[in-house]
Amino acid sequence: MDCPKCGSVILKENINIQTDIAQCINCDHIFKISEHIQVVNDDFDVRDTPKGTWFQKDFDIIILGASTKSPIAFFLVPFMLVWSGGSLGGIYGSQIASGELNIGMSLFGIPFLLGSIFFWSITAMAIAGKVELKLNKQGGKIFTGIGNIGFTKTFTWDEVSTIRETTSNIRTNGRQNIKLCLEGKRRVCFGIGLKEERRYYLLKAMQTVLAKLKSNRNMNYQSF
């Protein structure tokens, strides 16, 4: 196995299964084996995509994706129209209608403006958002957004030692959200807001790709 901190190969003599402890002699990092060992189900088929996910392949690239569309959009859209329309319309609309700028009222409205931008982005993701990964032998890109508008994170496989689910600091209805994280030399997280089945598919699909790459650097993606 590789060190989850620096990515160096852990020597057999520095792995103690009985105590569940391993140590990297390169960076002296000590960690629990059970938290980082990658278990891959050989029966998992990346081509068997659940509803709301997709899999595509070319000679040297794999595309994995999951939609963030959710029925909660039917609640969020009217709520946001009333909330942002009422707050922003009352604060800024009245100034536009009168043709007079009220600096105090404008400053007071900034938190409402920022809140509207944040919650409208969540609403838009619930309407037509997606998480899409484009993977090759060197690494990949993770896109989160709508259409071509969004954020992209990049990584290389040499930086990744494990892929797992973890809790997010962001809460929805009092519950912590779950996200996917690539961990190793650095941490790259994504997938907040995905339904459980879609998040699980991306997790297992990426674990499968990582396991095959580590066992065969000359892997041909047509084997999937």
C-alpha atoms as a PDB file:
ATOM      1  CA  MET A   1       0.000   0.000   0.000  1.00  0.00           C
ATOM      2  CA  ASP A   2       1.000   3.652  -0.420  1.00  0.00           C
ATOM      3  CA  CYS A   3       1.423   6.292   2.257  1.00  0.00           C
ATOM      4  CA  PRO A   4      -1.752   8.423   2.445  1.00  0.00           C
ATOM      5  CA  LYS A   5       0.373  11.519   3.150  1.00  0.00           C
ATOM      6  CA  CYS A   6       3.322  11.446   0.721  1.00  0.00           C
ATOM      7  CA  GLY A   7       2.376   8.592  -1.633  1.00  0.00           C
ATOM      8  CA  SER A   8       5.511   6.516  -1.010  1.00  0.00           C
ATOM      9  CA  VAL A   9       5.266   2.725  -1.018  1.00  0.00           C
ATOM     10  CA  ILE A  10       5.012   1.292   2.522  1.00  0.00           C
ATOM     11  CA  LEU A  11       7.487  -1.506   3.169  1.00  0.00           C
ATOM     12  CA  LYS A  12       6.052  -4.812   4.379  1.00  0.00           C
ATOM     13  CA  GLU A  13       8.091  -4.688   7.591  1.00  0.00           C
ATOM     14  CA  ASN A  14       6.419  -1.364   8.477  1.00  0.00           C
ATOM     15  CA  ILE A  15       2.895  -2.792   8.244  1.00  0.00           C
ATOM     16  CA  ASN A  16       1.407  -4.438  11.345  1.00  0.00           C
ATOM     17  CA  ILE A  17      -1.975  -5.996  10.572  1.00  0.00           C
ATOM     18  CA  GLN A  18      -2.498  -7.122  14.195  1.00  0.00           C
ATOM     19  CA  THR A  19      -2.279  -3.588  15.584  1.00  0.00           C
ATOM     20  CA  ASP A  20      -3.831  -1.983  12.466  1.00  0.00           C
ATOM     21  CA  ILE A  21      -0.854   0.402  12.270  1.00  0.00           C
ATOM     22  CA  ALA A  22       1.551   1.265   9.465  1.00  0.00           C
ATOM     23  CA  GLN A  23       4.413   3.747   9.238  1.00  0.00           C
ATOM     24  CA  CYS A  24       6.004   5.459   6.263  1.00  0.00           C
ATOM     25  CA  ILE A  25       9.805   5.650   6.561  1.00  0.00           C
ATOM     26  CA  ASN A  26       9.890   8.430   3.983  1.00  0.00           C
ATOM     27  CA  CYS A  27       7.835  11.009   5.942  1.00  0.00           C
ATOM     28  CA  ASP A  28       7.414   9.200   9.329  1.00  0.00           C
ATOM     29  CA  HIS A  29       3.612   9.345   8.978  1.00  0.00           C
ATOM     30  CA  ILE A  30       1.814   6.774  11.181  1.00  0.00           C
ATOM     31  CA  PHE A  31      -1.736   5.785  10.252  1.00  0.00           C
ATOM     32  CA  LYS A  32      -4.413   3.136  10.694  1.00  0.00           C
ATOM     33  CA  ILE A  33      -4.370   0.571   7.893  1.00  0.00           C
ATOM     34  CA  SER A  34      -8.131  -0.038   8.029  1.00  0.00           C
ATOM     35  CA  GLU A  35      -8.868   3.638   7.276  1.00  0.00           C
ATOM     36  CA  HIS A  36      -6.827   3.689   4.083  1.00  0.00           C
ATOM     37  CA  ILE A  37      -6.762   0.209   2.601  1.00  0.00           C
ATOM     38  CA  GLN A  38      -8.784   0.097  -0.618  1.00  0.00           C
ATOM     39  CA  VAL A  39     -11.207  -2.804  -0.919  1.00  0.00           C
ATOM     40  CA  VAL A  40     -12.637  -3.259  -4.405  1.00  0.00           C
ATOM     41  CA  ASN A  41     -15.579  -5.496  -5.209  1.00  0.00           C
ATOM     42  CA  ASP A  42     -14.662  -7.583  -8.267  1.00  0.00           C
ATOM     43  CA  ASP A  43     -18.372  -7.946  -9.071  1.00  0.00           C
ATOM     44  CA  PHE A  44     -18.803  -4.182  -9.519  1.00  0.00           C
ATOM     45  CA  ASP A  45     -19.447  -3.247 -13.148  1.00  0.00           C
ATOM     46  CA  VAL A  46     -18.770   0.398 -14.039  1.00  0.00           C
ATOM     47  CA  ARG A  47     -21.024  -0.020 -17.087  1.00  0.00           C
ATOM     48  CA  ASP A  48     -24.027  -0.872 -14.895  1.00  0.00           C
ATOM     49  CA  THR A  49     -25.029   2.721 -14.218  1.00  0.00           C
ATOM     50  CA  PRO A  50     -27.934   3.525 -11.884  1.00  0.00           C
ATOM     51  CA  LYS A  51     -30.477   6.150 -12.881  1.00  0.00           C
ATOM     52  CA  GLY A  52     -28.973   9.608 -12.934  1.00  0.00           C
ATOM     53  CA  THR A  53     -25.397   8.451 -13.646  1.00  0.00           C
ATOM     54  CA  TRP A  54     -23.436   7.755 -16.815  1.00  0.00           C
ATOM     55  CA  PHE A  55     -20.299   6.058 -18.084  1.00  0.00           C
ATOM     56  CA  GLN A  56     -18.480   6.734 -21.352  1.00  0.00           C
ATOM     57  CA  LYS A  57     -15.098   5.608 -22.615  1.00  0.00           C
ATOM     58  CA  ASP A  58     -12.634   6.353 -25.344  1.00  0.00           C
ATOM     59  CA  PHE A  59      -9.238   4.821 -26.018  1.00  0.00           C
ATOM     60  CA  ASP A  60      -7.462   6.886 -23.364  1.00  0.00           C
ATOM     61  CA  ILE A  61     -10.224   8.485 -21.317  1.00  0.00           C
ATOM     62  CA  ILE A  62     -13.102   7.481 -19.066  1.00  0.00           C
ATOM     63  CA  ILE A  63     -15.999   9.807 -18.281  1.00  0.00           C
ATOM     64  CA  LEU A  64     -18.029   9.191 -15.127  1.00  0.00           C
ATOM     65  CA  GLY A  65     -20.932  11.421 -14.224  1.00  0.00           C
ATOM     66  CA  ALA A  66     -23.858  11.895 -11.885  1.00  0.00           C
ATOM     67  CA  SER A  67     -26.747  14.327 -11.967  1.00  0.00           C
ATOM     68  CA  THR A  68     -27.520  16.512  -8.955  1.00  0.00           C
ATOM     69  CA  LYS A  69     -31.138  16.958 -10.080  1.00  0.00           C
ATOM     70  CA  SER A  70     -33.532  16.555  -7.179  1.00  0.00           C
ATOM     71  CA  PRO A  71     -37.292  16.874  -6.522  1.00  0.00           C
ATOM     72  CA  ILE A  72     -36.409  19.428  -3.839  1.00  0.00           C
ATOM     73  CA  ALA A  73     -36.196  21.914  -6.709  1.00  0.00           C
ATOM     74  CA  PHE A  74     -40.031  22.014  -6.754  1.00  0.00           C
ATOM     75  CA  PHE A  75     -39.845  23.519  -3.258  1.00  0.00           C
ATOM     76  CA  LEU A  76     -36.718  25.646  -3.697  1.00  0.00           C
ATOM     77  CA  VAL A  77     -37.831  27.541  -6.817  1.00  0.00           C
ATOM     78  CA  PRO A  78     -41.037  29.080  -5.400  1.00  0.00           C
ATOM     79  CA  PHE A  79     -39.356  29.632  -2.023  1.00  0.00           C
ATOM     80  CA  MET A  80     -36.462  31.519  -3.598  1.00  0.00           C
ATOM     81  CA  LEU A  81     -38.771  33.567  -5.810  1.00  0.00           C
ATOM     82  CA  VAL A  82     -40.678  34.735  -2.739  1.00  0.00           C
ATOM     83  CA  TRP A  83     -37.674  35.114  -0.416  1.00  0.00           C
ATOM     84  CA  SER A  84     -35.179  36.783  -2.748  1.00  0.00           C
ATOM     85  CA  GLY A  85     -37.866  38.655  -4.658  1.00  0.00           C
ATOM     86  CA  GLY A  86     -39.332  40.089  -1.475  1.00  0.00           C
ATOM     87  CA  SER A  87     -36.055  40.932   0.266  1.00  0.00           C
ATOM     88  CA  LEU A  88     -34.079  42.220  -2.717  1.00  0.00           C
ATOM     89  CA  GLY A  89     -37.100  43.834  -4.333  1.00  0.00           C
ATOM     90  CA  GLY A  90     -37.905  45.699  -1.148  1.00  0.00           C
ATOM     91  CA  ILE A  91     -34.336  46.842  -0.565  1.00  0.00           C
ATOM     92  CA  TYR A  92     -33.051  47.584  -4.058  1.00  0.00           C
ATOM     93  CA  GLY A  93     -36.251  47.680  -6.095  1.00  0.00           C
ATOM     94  CA  SER A  94     -37.600  50.614  -4.137  1.00  0.00           C
ATOM     95  CA  GLN A  95     -34.385  52.550  -4.750  1.00  0.00           C
ATOM     96  CA  ILE A  96     -34.518  51.851  -8.480  1.00  0.00           C
ATOM     97  CA  ALA A  97     -38.170  52.889  -8.624  1.00  0.00           C
ATOM     98  CA  SER A  98     -37.505  56.168  -6.806  1.00  0.00           C
ATOM     99  CA  GLY A  99     -34.245  56.841  -8.647  1.00  0.00           C
ATOM    100  CA  GLU A 100     -32.491  57.593  -5.353  1.00  0.00           C
ATOM    101  CA  LEU A 101     -29.574  55.685  -3.829  1.00  0.00           C
ATOM    102  CA  ASN A 102     -29.791  54.926  -0.125  1.00  0.00           C
ATOM    103  CA  ILE A 103     -26.300  53.807   0.923  1.00  0.00           C
ATOM    104  CA  GLY A 104     -27.420  52.605   4.358  1.00  0.00           C
ATOM    105  CA  MET A 105     -30.186  50.455   2.935  1.00  0.00           C
ATOM    106  CA  SER A 106     -27.887  49.165   0.167  1.00  0.00           C
ATOM    107  CA  LEU A 107     -25.298  48.047   2.713  1.00  0.00           C
ATOM    108  CA  PHE A 108     -28.027  46.437   4.800  1.00  0.00           C
ATOM    109  CA  GLY A 109     -29.083  44.426   1.753  1.00  0.00           C
ATOM    110  CA  ILE A 110     -25.641  42.924   1.018  1.00  0.00           C
ATOM    111  CA  PRO A 111     -26.159  39.826   3.256  1.00  0.00           C
ATOM    112  CA  PHE A 112     -29.508  39.207   1.522  1.00  0.00           C
ATOM    113  CA  LEU A 113     -27.827  39.585  -1.876  1.00  0.00           C
ATOM    114  CA  LEU A 114     -25.037  37.134  -1.004  1.00  0.00           C
ATOM    115  CA  GLY A 115     -27.549  34.732   0.527  1.00  0.00           C
ATOM    116  CA  SER A 116     -29.657  34.851  -2.619  1.00  0.00           C
ATOM    117  CA  ILE A 117     -26.644  34.088  -4.813  1.00  0.00           C
ATOM    118  CA  PHE A 118     -25.690  31.126  -2.607  1.00  0.00           C
ATOM    119  CA  PHE A 119     -29.156  29.614  -2.378  1.00  0.00           C
ATOM    120  CA  TRP A 120     -29.947  30.226  -6.049  1.00  0.00           C
ATOM    121  CA  SER A 121     -26.778  28.280  -6.933  1.00  0.00           C
ATOM    122  CA  ILE A 122     -28.039  25.378  -4.816  1.00  0.00           C
ATOM    123  CA  THR A 123     -31.440  25.656  -6.484  1.00  0.00           C
ATOM    124  CA  ALA A 124     -29.870  25.682  -9.951  1.00  0.00           C
ATOM    125  CA  MET A 125     -27.850  22.546  -9.121  1.00  0.00           C
ATOM    126  CA  ALA A 126     -31.053  20.843  -7.978  1.00  0.00           C
ATOM    127  CA  ILE A 127     -32.661  21.748 -11.310  1.00  0.00           C
ATOM    128  CA  ALA A 128     -29.921  20.889 -13.811  1.00  0.00           C
ATOM    129  CA  GLY A 129     -26.575  20.350 -12.086  1.00  0.00           C
ATOM    130  CA  LYS A 130     -24.025  17.556 -12.517  1.00  0.00           C
ATOM    131  CA  VAL A 131     -20.750  16.167 -11.244  1.00  0.00           C
ATOM    132  CA  GLU A 132     -18.578  14.802 -14.047  1.00  0.00           C
ATOM    133  CA  LEU A 133     -15.120  13.219 -13.954  1.00  0.00           C
ATOM    134  CA  LYS A 134     -12.810  12.857 -16.934  1.00  0.00           C
ATOM    135  CA  LEU A 135     -10.079  10.328 -16.122  1.00  0.00           C
ATOM    136  CA  ASN A 136      -6.948   9.281 -17.964  1.00  0.00           C
ATOM    137  CA  LYS A 137      -3.787   7.384 -16.997  1.00  0.00           C
ATOM    138  CA  GLN A 138      -2.168  10.491 -15.541  1.00  0.00           C
ATOM    139  CA  GLY A 139      -5.075  11.762 -13.458  1.00  0.00           C
ATOM    140  CA  GLY A 140      -8.297  13.579 -14.102  1.00  0.00           C
ATOM    141  CA  LYS A 141     -10.597  16.575 -13.886  1.00  0.00           C
ATOM    142  CA  ILE A 142     -13.662  16.881 -11.657  1.00  0.00           C
ATOM    143  CA  PHE A 143     -16.318  19.309 -12.886  1.00  0.00           C
ATOM    144  CA  THR A 144     -19.217  20.493 -10.733  1.00  0.00           C
ATOM    145  CA  GLY A 145     -21.775  22.821 -12.265  1.00  0.00           C
ATOM    146  CA  ILE A 146     -24.451  23.345 -14.894  1.00  0.00           C
ATOM    147  CA  GLY A 147     -23.674  22.870 -18.578  1.00  0.00           C
ATOM    148  CA  ASN A 148     -20.202  24.387 -19.060  1.00  0.00           C
ATOM    149  CA  ILE A 149     -20.526  26.788 -16.119  1.00  0.00           C
ATOM    150  CA  GLY A 150     -19.020  25.615 -12.862  1.00  0.00           C
ATOM    151  CA  PHE A 151     -15.826  24.692 -11.050  1.00  0.00           C
ATOM    152  CA  THR A 152     -13.111  22.239 -12.065  1.00  0.00           C
ATOM    153  CA  LYS A 153     -10.605  20.467  -9.821  1.00  0.00           C
ATOM    154  CA  THR A 154      -7.639  18.540 -11.191  1.00  0.00           C
ATOM    155  CA  PHE A 155      -5.513  15.754  -9.726  1.00  0.00           C
ATOM    156  CA  THR A 156      -2.906  13.164 -10.674  1.00  0.00           C
ATOM    157  CA  TRP A 157      -3.099   9.496  -9.687  1.00  0.00           C
ATOM    158  CA  ASP A 158       0.328   9.747  -8.041  1.00  0.00           C
ATOM    159  CA  GLU A 159      -1.270  12.069  -5.484  1.00  0.00           C
ATOM    160  CA  VAL A 160      -4.041   9.586  -4.632  1.00  0.00           C
ATOM    161  CA  SER A 161      -3.677   6.660  -2.229  1.00  0.00           C
ATOM    162  CA  THR A 162      -7.327   6.132  -1.315  1.00  0.00           C
ATOM    163  CA  ILE A 163     -10.844   7.237  -2.294  1.00  0.00           C
ATOM    164  CA  ARG A 164     -13.553   7.285   0.357  1.00  0.00           C
ATOM    165  CA  GLU A 165     -16.702   8.900   1.664  1.00  0.00           C
ATOM    166  CA  THR A 166     -16.451  11.366   4.512  1.00  0.00           C
ATOM    167  CA  THR A 167     -18.718  13.855   6.262  1.00  0.00           C
ATOM    168  CA  SER A 168     -18.903  17.494   5.265  1.00  0.00           C
ATOM    169  CA  ASN A 169     -19.165  20.526   7.538  1.00  0.00           C
ATOM    170  CA  ILE A 170     -22.165  21.646   5.487  1.00  0.00           C
ATOM    171  CA  ARG A 171     -25.490  20.560   6.977  1.00  0.00           C
ATOM    172  CA  THR A 172     -28.892  20.155   5.341  1.00  0.00           C
ATOM    173  CA  ASN A 173     -31.974  19.961   7.552  1.00  0.00           C
ATOM    174  CA  GLY A 174     -29.703  19.479  10.552  1.00  0.00           C
ATOM    175  CA  ARG A 175     -27.860  16.514   8.996  1.00  0.00           C
ATOM    176  CA  GLN A 176     -24.257  16.462   7.837  1.00  0.00           C
ATOM    177  CA  ASN A 177     -23.807  16.001   4.103  1.00  0.00           C
ATOM    178  CA  ILE A 178     -21.561  13.281   2.704  1.00  0.00           C
ATOM    179  CA  LYS A 179     -18.822  13.962   0.166  1.00  0.00           C
ATOM    180  CA  LEU A 180     -16.271  11.943  -1.780  1.00  0.00           C
ATOM    181  CA  CYS A 181     -12.580  12.589  -1.178  1.00  0.00           C
ATOM    182  CA  LEU A 182      -9.396  11.629  -2.982  1.00  0.00           C
ATOM    183  CA  GLU A 183      -6.740  11.428  -0.303  1.00  0.00           C
ATOM    184  CA  GLY A 184      -2.975  11.124  -0.424  1.00  0.00           C
ATOM    185  CA  LYS A 185      -0.393  13.834  -0.997  1.00  0.00           C
ATOM    186  CA  ARG A 186      -3.298  16.272  -1.014  1.00  0.00           C
ATOM    187  CA  ARG A 187      -7.049  16.123  -0.541  1.00  0.00           C
ATOM    188  CA  VAL A 188      -9.585  16.706  -3.304  1.00  0.00           C
ATOM    189  CA  CYS A 189     -13.258  16.519  -2.309  1.00  0.00           C
ATOM    190  CA  PHE A 190     -16.448  16.716  -4.345  1.00  0.00           C
ATOM    191  CA  GLY A 191     -19.963  15.308  -4.670  1.00  0.00           C
ATOM    192  CA  ILE A 192     -21.877  17.146  -1.938  1.00  0.00           C
ATOM    193  CA  GLY A 193     -25.568  17.020  -2.761  1.00  0.00           C
ATOM    194  CA  LEU A 194     -25.512  13.781  -4.738  1.00  0.00           C
ATOM    195  CA  LYS A 195     -28.114  11.154  -3.936  1.00  0.00           C
ATOM    196  CA  GLU A 196     -26.706   8.166  -2.077  1.00  0.00           C
ATOM    197  CA  GLU A 197     -27.011   5.726  -4.983  1.00  0.00           C
ATOM    198  CA  ARG A 198     -25.299   8.107  -7.415  1.00  0.00           C
ATOM    199  CA  ARG A 199     -22.529   8.952  -4.928  1.00  0.00           C
ATOM    200  CA  TYR A 200     -21.943   5.250  -4.262  1.00  0.00           C
ATOM    201  CA  TYR A 201     -21.611   4.550  -7.986  1.00  0.00           C
ATOM    202  CA  LEU A 202     -18.956   7.247  -8.435  1.00  0.00           C
ATOM    203  CA  LEU A 203     -17.105   5.985  -5.351  1.00  0.00           C
ATOM    204  CA  LYS A 204     -16.959   2.357  -6.513  1.00  0.00           C
ATOM    205  CA  ALA A 205     -16.199   3.314 -10.121  1.00  0.00           C
ATOM    206  CA  MET A 206     -13.238   5.486  -9.113  1.00  0.00           C
ATOM    207  CA  GLN A 207     -11.963   2.865  -6.680  1.00  0.00           C
ATOM    208  CA  THR A 208     -12.071   0.333  -9.512  1.00  0.00           C
ATOM    209  CA  VAL A 209     -10.142   2.609 -11.865  1.00  0.00           C
ATOM    210  CA  LEU A 210      -7.539   3.388  -9.176  1.00  0.00           C
ATOM    211  CA  ALA A 211      -7.072  -0.286  -8.284  1.00  0.00           C
ATOM    212  CA  LYS A 212      -6.571  -1.279 -11.933  1.00  0.00           C
ATOM    213  CA  LEU A 213      -4.115   1.551 -12.512  1.00  0.00           C
ATOM    214  CA  LYS A 214      -2.036   0.603  -9.487  1.00  0.00           C
ATOM    215  CA  SER A 215      -1.931  -3.048 -10.558  1.00  0.00           C
ATOM    216  CA  ASN A 216      -1.239  -2.291 -14.239  1.00  0.00           C
ATOM    217  CA  ARG A 217       0.203   1.047 -15.332  1.00  0.00           C
ATOM    218  CA  ASN A 218      -0.155  -0.025 -18.965  1.00  0.00           C
ATOM    219  CA  MET A 219      -3.908  -0.540 -18.568  1.00  0.00           C
ATOM    220  CA  ASN A 220      -5.978   0.041 -21.673  1.00  0.00           C
ATOM    221  CA  TYR A 221      -9.268   1.776 -20.859  1.00  0.00           C
ATOM    222  CA  GLN A 222     -10.981  -0.368 -23.483  1.00  0.00           C
ATOM    223  CA  SER A 223     -10.800  -3.158 -20.866  1.00  0.00           C
ATOM    224  CA  PHE A 224     -13.678  -1.545 -18.964  1.00  0.00           C
END
